[in-house]
Each structure stands twice: as structure tokens, then as C-alpha cells.
Amino acid sequence: MAAFFATYYPRRRAIKKVKEAGAISEETAKTSKELGIGESTLQYLVSVRDIKKTQDGRYYVPCKDKK
């Protein structure tokens, strides 16, 4: 159970940070530098399908409701 919390809350914080940066669609996607999040963290979030990566290396959280 502790392992769950060790990864769950940092994931939520990173996703929130991406959303707050306005990276909620492919058009508004941001680079890791613009987001202030390490590339390895973003790659992990892509691998667990929390965020998406564009072909040019930018990241975003797909939000249908734009929130």
C-alpha cells in the first residue's frame, strides 16, 4: 500500500502542474523545460498513459472539457 502512495501523489502533482501550465491539448503542449518537470518523469507519465507526447517532444494532458 505504501508503494501506491509513493507514486500516486507525485503523479497527481505532476499532472496538475501540466494542466495549470495550460498544456491541455496538442496545440497547447509544452516542453519539459517550459513545464519545469524532468524528462524522465514526463516519460513515465506517458508510459502509464496519464499524459501524451507530441511528435516534436512536447507534453500535454488530454482534456475534453478543457479543465
PDB file of N, CA and C in Angstrom:
ATOM      1  N   MET A   1       0.819  -1.197   0.000  1.00  0.00           N
ATOM      2  CA  MET A   1       0.000   0.000   0.000  1.00  0.00           C
ATOM      3  C   MET A   1       0.863   1.261   0.000  1.00  0.00           C
ATOM      4  N   ALA A   2       1.962   1.235   0.741  1.00  0.00           N
ATOM      5  CA  ALA A   2       2.846   2.401   0.792  1.00  0.00           C
ATOM      6  C   ALA A   2       3.425   2.719  -0.574  1.00  0.00           C
ATOM      7  N   ALA A   3       3.716   1.685  -1.365  1.00  0.00           N
ATOM      8  CA  ALA A   3       4.262   1.905  -2.706  1.00  0.00           C
ATOM      9  C   ALA A   3       3.254   2.638  -3.585  1.00  0.00           C
ATOM     10  N   PHE A   4       1.983   2.346  -3.404  1.00  0.00           N
ATOM     11  CA  PHE A   4       0.931   3.032  -4.159  1.00  0.00           C
ATOM     12  C   PHE A   4       0.983   4.527  -3.884  1.00  0.00           C
ATOM     13  N   PHE A   5       1.004   4.909  -2.606  1.00  0.00           N
ATOM     14  CA  PHE A   5       1.010   6.320  -2.248  1.00  0.00           C
ATOM     15  C   PHE A   5       2.306   7.005  -2.657  1.00  0.00           C
ATOM     16  N   ALA A   6       3.396   6.263  -2.680  1.00  0.00           N
ATOM     17  CA  ALA A   6       4.684   6.832  -3.066  1.00  0.00           C
ATOM     18  C   ALA A   6       4.697   7.270  -4.522  1.00  0.00           C
ATOM     19  N   THR A   7       3.899   6.628  -5.367  1.00  0.00           N
ATOM     20  CA  THR A   7       3.848   7.026  -6.778  1.00  0.00           C
ATOM     21  C   THR A   7       2.592   7.806  -7.129  1.00  0.00           C
ATOM     22  N   TYR A   8       1.495   7.580  -6.423  1.00  0.00           N
ATOM     23  CA  TYR A   8       0.213   8.198  -6.777  1.00  0.00           C
ATOM     24  C   TYR A   8       0.237   9.706  -6.607  1.00  0.00           C
ATOM     25  N   TYR A   9       0.652  10.202  -5.464  1.00  0.00           N
ATOM     26  CA  TYR A   9       0.605  11.635  -5.217  1.00  0.00           C
ATOM     27  C   TYR A   9       1.598  12.431  -6.067  1.00  0.00           C
ATOM     28  N   PRO A  10       2.829  11.971  -6.257  1.00  0.00           N
ATOM     29  CA  PRO A  10       3.706  12.707  -7.186  1.00  0.00           C
ATOM     30  C   PRO A  10       3.135  12.747  -8.612  1.00  0.00           C
ATOM     31  N   ARG A  11       2.487  11.653  -9.037  1.00  0.00           N
ATOM     32  CA  ARG A  11       1.850  11.637 -10.362  1.00  0.00           C
ATOM     33  C   ARG A  11       0.774  12.700 -10.435  1.00  0.00           C
ATOM     34  N   ARG A  12      -0.076  12.754  -9.422  1.00  0.00           N
ATOM     35  CA  ARG A  12      -1.166  13.740  -9.414  1.00  0.00           C
ATOM     36  C   ARG A  12      -0.619  15.157  -9.443  1.00  0.00           C
ATOM     37  N   ARG A  13       0.440  15.425  -8.677  1.00  0.00           N
ATOM     38  CA  ARG A  13       1.028  16.764  -8.659  1.00  0.00           C
ATOM     39  C   ARG A  13       1.587  17.135 -10.027  1.00  0.00           C
ATOM     40  N   ALA A  14       2.260  16.194 -10.675  1.00  0.00           N
ATOM     41  CA  ALA A  14       2.840  16.462 -11.992  1.00  0.00           C
ATOM     42  C   ALA A  14       1.738  16.721 -13.019  1.00  0.00           C
ATOM     43  N   ILE A  15       0.682  15.927 -12.982  1.00  0.00           N
ATOM     44  CA  ILE A  15      -0.435  16.117 -13.914  1.00  0.00           C
ATOM     45  C   ILE A  15      -1.081  17.477 -13.682  1.00  0.00           C
ATOM     46  N   LYS A  16      -1.264  17.837 -12.421  1.00  0.00           N
ATOM     47  CA  LYS A  16      -1.849  19.144 -12.088  1.00  0.00           C
ATOM     48  C   LYS A  16      -0.970  20.275 -12.618  1.00  0.00           C
ATOM     49  N   LYS A  17       0.334  20.117 -12.488  1.00  0.00           N
ATOM     50  CA  LYS A  17       1.272  21.140 -12.955  1.00  0.00           C
ATOM     51  C   LYS A  17       1.179  21.316 -14.478  1.00  0.00           C
ATOM     52  N   VAL A  18       1.046  20.208 -15.198  1.00  0.00           N
ATOM     53  CA  VAL A  18       0.907  20.270 -16.662  1.00  0.00           C
ATOM     54  C   VAL A  18      -0.388  20.993 -17.023  1.00  0.00           C
ATOM     55  N   LYS A  19      -1.477  20.649 -16.342  1.00  0.00           N
ATOM     56  CA  LYS A  19      -2.762  21.306 -16.609  1.00  0.00           C
ATOM     57  C   LYS A  19      -2.704  22.795 -16.301  1.00  0.00           C
ATOM     58  N   GLU A  20      -2.110  23.140 -15.155  1.00  0.00           N
ATOM     59  CA  GLU A  20      -2.017  24.544 -14.756  1.00  0.00           C
ATOM     60  C   GLU A  20      -1.171  25.363 -15.728  1.00  0.00           C
ATOM     61  N   ALA A  21      -0.244  24.711 -16.414  1.00  0.00           N
ATOM     62  CA  ALA A  21       0.580  25.388 -17.418  1.00  0.00           C
ATOM     63  C   ALA A  21      -0.201  25.607 -18.713  1.00  0.00           C
ATOM     64  N   GLY A  22      -1.407  25.045 -18.782  1.00  0.00           N
ATOM     65  CA  GLY A  22      -2.242  25.216 -19.969  1.00  0.00           C
ATOM     66  C   GLY A  22      -1.990  24.195 -21.051  1.00  0.00           C
ATOM     67  N   ALA A  23      -1.235  23.163 -20.753  1.00  0.00           N
ATOM     68  CA  ALA A  23      -0.916  22.122 -21.738  1.00  0.00           C
ATOM     69  C   ALA A  23      -2.019  21.066 -21.706  1.00  0.00           C
ATOM     70  N   ILE A  24      -3.153  21.395 -22.339  1.00  0.00           N
ATOM     71  CA  ILE A  24      -4.314  20.502 -22.283  1.00  0.00           C
ATOM     72  C   ILE A  24      -4.740  19.985 -23.653  1.00  0.00           C
ATOM     73  N   SER A  25      -3.960  20.299 -24.657  1.00  0.00           N
ATOM     74  CA  SER A  25      -4.238  19.780 -25.996  1.00  0.00           C
ATOM     75  C   SER A  25      -2.926  19.731 -26.774  1.00  0.00           C
ATOM     76  N   GLU A  26      -2.955  19.096 -27.913  1.00  0.00           N
ATOM     77  CA  GLU A  26      -1.745  19.020 -28.732  1.00  0.00           C
ATOM     78  C   GLU A  26      -1.287  20.413 -29.160  1.00  0.00           C
ATOM     79  N   GLU A  27      -2.239  21.298 -29.390  1.00  0.00           N
ATOM     80  CA  GLU A  27      -1.904  22.662 -29.818  1.00  0.00           C
ATOM     81  C   GLU A  27      -1.240  23.478 -28.709  1.00  0.00           C
ATOM     82  N   THR A  28      -1.591  23.211 -27.454  1.00  0.00           N
ATOM     83  CA  THR A  28      -1.050  23.984 -26.332  1.00  0.00           C
ATOM     84  C   THR A  28       0.016  23.232 -25.552  1.00  0.00           C
ATOM     85  N   ALA A  29       0.505  22.122 -26.067  1.00  0.00           N
ATOM     86  CA  ALA A  29       1.507  21.294 -25.391  1.00  0.00           C
ATOM     87  C   ALA A  29       2.775  22.100 -25.114  1.00  0.00           C
ATOM     88  N   LYS A  30       3.487  21.719 -24.055  1.00  0.00           N
ATOM     89  CA  LYS A  30       4.693  22.421 -23.625  1.00  0.00           C
ATOM     90  C   LYS A  30       5.868  21.445 -23.523  1.00  0.00           C
ATOM     91  N   THR A  31       7.071  21.985 -23.591  1.00  0.00           N
ATOM     92  CA  THR A  31       8.274  21.178 -23.417  1.00  0.00           C
ATOM     93  C   THR A  31       8.509  20.912 -21.930  1.00  0.00           C
ATOM     94  N   SER A  32       9.381  19.976 -21.632  1.00  0.00           N
ATOM     95  CA  SER A  32       9.687  19.675 -20.237  1.00  0.00           C
ATOM     96  C   SER A  32      10.287  20.899 -19.543  1.00  0.00           C
ATOM     97  N   LYS A  33      11.075  21.667 -20.268  1.00  0.00           N
ATOM     98  CA  LYS A  33      11.678  22.878 -19.707  1.00  0.00           C
ATOM     99  C   LYS A  33      10.604  23.912 -19.375  1.00  0.00           C
ATOM    100  N   GLU A  34       9.652  24.092 -20.271  1.00  0.00           N
ATOM    101  CA  GLU A  34       8.555  25.033 -20.022  1.00  0.00           C
ATOM    102  C   GLU A  34       7.697  24.598 -18.834  1.00  0.00           C
ATOM    103  N   LEU A  35       7.545  23.290 -18.659  1.00  0.00           N
ATOM    104  CA  LEU A  35       6.739  22.760 -17.566  1.00  0.00           C
ATOM    105  C   LEU A  35       7.488  22.724 -16.243  1.00  0.00           C
ATOM    106  N   GLY A  36       8.814  22.699 -16.307  1.00  0.00           N
ATOM    107  CA  GLY A  36       9.608  22.599 -15.089  1.00  0.00           C
ATOM    108  C   GLY A  36       9.549  21.215 -14.470  1.00  0.00           C
ATOM    109  N   ILE A  37       9.365  20.206 -15.321  1.00  0.00           N
ATOM    110  CA  ILE A  37       9.290  18.817 -14.878  1.00  0.00           C
ATOM    111  C   ILE A  37      10.355  18.041 -15.642  1.00  0.00           C
ATOM    112  N   GLY A  38      11.052  17.172 -14.958  1.00  0.00           N
ATOM    113  CA  GLY A  38      12.113  16.393 -15.590  1.00  0.00           C
ATOM    114  C   GLY A  38      11.602  15.483 -16.700  1.00  0.00           C
ATOM    115  N   GLU A  39      12.429  15.300 -17.688  1.00  0.00           N
ATOM    116  CA  GLU A  39      12.084  14.468 -18.843  1.00  0.00           C
ATOM    117  C   GLU A  39      11.749  13.034 -18.425  1.00  0.00           C
ATOM    118  N   SER A  40      12.470  12.486 -17.458  1.00  0.00           N
ATOM    119  CA  SER A  40      12.205  11.105 -17.031  1.00  0.00           C
ATOM    120  C   SER A  40      10.831  10.984 -16.378  1.00  0.00           C
ATOM    121  N   THR A  41      10.430  11.985 -15.613  1.00  0.00           N
ATOM    122  CA  THR A  41       9.101  11.981 -15.001  1.00  0.00           C
ATOM    123  C   THR A  41       8.021  12.034 -16.070  1.00  0.00           C
ATOM    124  N   LEU A  42       8.219  12.886 -17.054  1.00  0.00           N
ATOM    125  CA  LEU A  42       7.236  13.004 -18.139  1.00  0.00           C
ATOM    126  C   LEU A  42       7.166  11.717 -18.952  1.00  0.00           C
ATOM    127  N   GLN A  43       8.304  11.098 -19.214  1.00  0.00           N
ATOM    128  CA  GLN A  43       8.310   9.836 -19.950  1.00  0.00           C
ATOM    129  C   GLN A  43       7.551   8.753 -19.180  1.00  0.00           C
ATOM    130  N   TYR A  44       7.713   8.739 -17.856  1.00  0.00           N
ATOM    131  CA  TYR A  44       6.978   7.782 -17.030  1.00  0.00           C
ATOM    132  C   TYR A  44       5.474   8.030 -17.146  1.00  0.00           C
ATOM    133  N   LEU A  45       5.060   9.285 -17.071  1.00  0.00           N
ATOM    134  CA  LEU A  45       3.638   9.618 -17.172  1.00  0.00           C
ATOM    135  C   LEU A  45       3.068   9.244 -18.534  1.00  0.00           C
ATOM    136  N   VAL A  46       3.879   9.350 -19.572  1.00  0.00           N
ATOM    137  CA  VAL A  46       3.458   8.904 -20.901  1.00  0.00           C
ATOM    138  C   VAL A  46       3.292   7.388 -20.895  1.00  0.00           C
ATOM    139  N   SER A  47       4.222   6.682 -20.266  1.00  0.00           N
ATOM    140  CA  SER A  47       4.170   5.215 -20.272  1.00  0.00           C
ATOM    141  C   SER A  47       2.958   4.666 -19.519  1.00  0.00           C
ATOM    142  N   VAL A  48       2.482   5.388 -18.510  1.00  0.00           N
ATOM    143  CA  VAL A  48       1.287   4.946 -17.775  1.00  0.00           C
ATOM    144  C   VAL A  48       0.025   5.650 -18.300  1.00  0.00           C
ATOM    145  N   ARG A  49       0.184   6.333 -19.409  1.00  0.00           N
ATOM    146  CA  ARG A  49      -0.915   6.970 -20.141  1.00  0.00           C
ATOM    147  C   ARG A  49      -1.647   8.063 -19.384  1.00  0.00           C
ATOM    148  N   ASP A  50      -0.933   8.766 -18.508  1.00  0.00           N
ATOM    149  CA  ASP A  50      -1.519   9.917 -17.824  1.00  0.00           C
ATOM    150  C   ASP A  50      -1.440  11.169 -18.690  1.00  0.00           C
ATOM    151  N   ILE A  51      -0.385  11.271 -19.490  1.00  0.00           N
ATOM    152  CA  ILE A  51      -0.214  12.402 -20.397  1.00  0.00           C
ATOM    153  C   ILE A  51       0.178  11.867 -21.770  1.00  0.00           C
ATOM    154  N   LYS A  52       0.198  12.776 -22.750  1.00  0.00           N
ATOM    155  CA  LYS A  52       0.604  12.396 -24.101  1.00  0.00           C
ATOM    156  C   LYS A  52       1.787  13.249 -24.539  1.00  0.00           C
ATOM    157  N   LYS A  53       2.522  12.709 -25.510  1.00  0.00           N
ATOM    158  CA  LYS A  53       3.686  13.395 -26.061  1.00  0.00           C
ATOM    159  C   LYS A  53       3.451  13.631 -27.539  1.00  0.00           C
ATOM    160  N   THR A  54       3.752  14.836 -27.992  1.00  0.00           N
ATOM    161  CA  THR A  54       3.618  15.151 -29.409  1.00  0.00           C
ATOM    162  C   THR A  54       4.844  14.649 -30.164  1.00  0.00           C
ATOM    163  N   GLN A  55       4.745  14.640 -31.471  1.00  0.00           N
ATOM    164  CA  GLN A  55       5.880  14.172 -32.280  1.00  0.00           C
ATOM    165  C   GLN A  55       7.091  15.077 -32.154  1.00  0.00           C
ATOM    166  N   ASP A  56       6.871  16.351 -31.812  1.00  0.00           N
ATOM    167  CA  ASP A  56       8.003  17.264 -31.668  1.00  0.00           C
ATOM    168  C   ASP A  56       8.517  17.367 -30.225  1.00  0.00           C
ATOM    169  N   GLY A  57       8.080  16.439 -29.335  1.00  0.00           N
ATOM    170  CA  GLY A  57       8.650  16.353 -27.997  1.00  0.00           C
ATOM    171  C   GLY A  57       8.009  17.218 -26.940  1.00  0.00           C
ATOM    172  N   ARG A  58       6.797  17.682 -27.169  1.00  0.00           N
ATOM    173  CA  ARG A  58       6.074  18.458 -26.158  1.00  0.00           C
ATOM    174  C   ARG A  58       5.049  17.548 -25.470  1.00  0.00           C
ATOM    175  N   TYR A  59       4.573  17.970 -24.305  1.00  0.00           N
ATOM    176  CA  TYR A  59       3.687  17.134 -23.498  1.00  0.00           C
ATOM    177  C   TYR A  59       2.393  17.863 -23.169  1.00  0.00           C
ATOM    178  N   TYR A  60       1.323  17.067 -22.977  1.00  0.00           N
ATOM    179  CA  TYR A  60       0.036  17.649 -22.583  1.00  0.00           C
ATOM    180  C   TYR A  60      -0.848  16.597 -21.934  1.00  0.00           C
ATOM    181  N   VAL A  61      -1.825  17.086 -21.170  1.00  0.00           N
ATOM    182  CA  VAL A  61      -2.848  16.222 -20.583  1.00  0.00           C
ATOM    183  C   VAL A  61      -4.079  16.376 -21.459  1.00  0.00           C
ATOM    184  N   PRO A  62      -4.521  15.317 -22.114  1.00  0.00           N
ATOM    185  CA  PRO A  62      -5.702  15.451 -22.973  1.00  0.00           C
ATOM    186  C   PRO A  62      -6.953  15.718 -22.125  1.00  0.00           C
ATOM    187  N   CYS A  63      -7.571  16.873 -22.329  1.00  0.00           N
ATOM    188  CA  CYS A  63      -8.757  17.262 -21.574  1.00  0.00           C
ATOM    189  C   CYS A  63      -9.865  17.614 -22.549  1.00  0.00           C
ATOM    190  N   LYS A  64     -10.894  16.823 -22.542  1.00  0.00           N
ATOM    191  CA  LYS A  64     -12.033  17.096 -23.429  1.00  0.00           C
ATOM    192  C   LYS A  64     -12.822  18.304 -22.959  1.00  0.00           C
ATOM    193  N   ASP A  65     -12.908  18.493 -21.635  1.00  0.00           N
ATOM    194  CA  ASP A  65     -13.691  19.602 -21.093  1.00  0.00           C
ATOM    195  C   ASP A  65     -12.863  20.871 -20.907  1.00  0.00           C
ATOM    196  N   LYS A  66     -11.593  20.845 -21.326  1.00  0.00           N
ATOM    197  CA  LYS A  66     -10.668  21.985 -21.259  1.00  0.00           C
ATOM    198  C   LYS A  66     -10.463  22.498 -19.836  1.00  0.00           C
ATOM    199  N   LYS A  67     -10.533  21.584 -18.831  1.00  0.00           N
ATOM    200  CA  LYS A  67     -10.284  21.957 -17.433  1.00  0.00           C
ATOM    201  C   LYS A  67      -9.032  21.286 -16.927  1.00  0.00           C
TER     202      LYS A  67
END
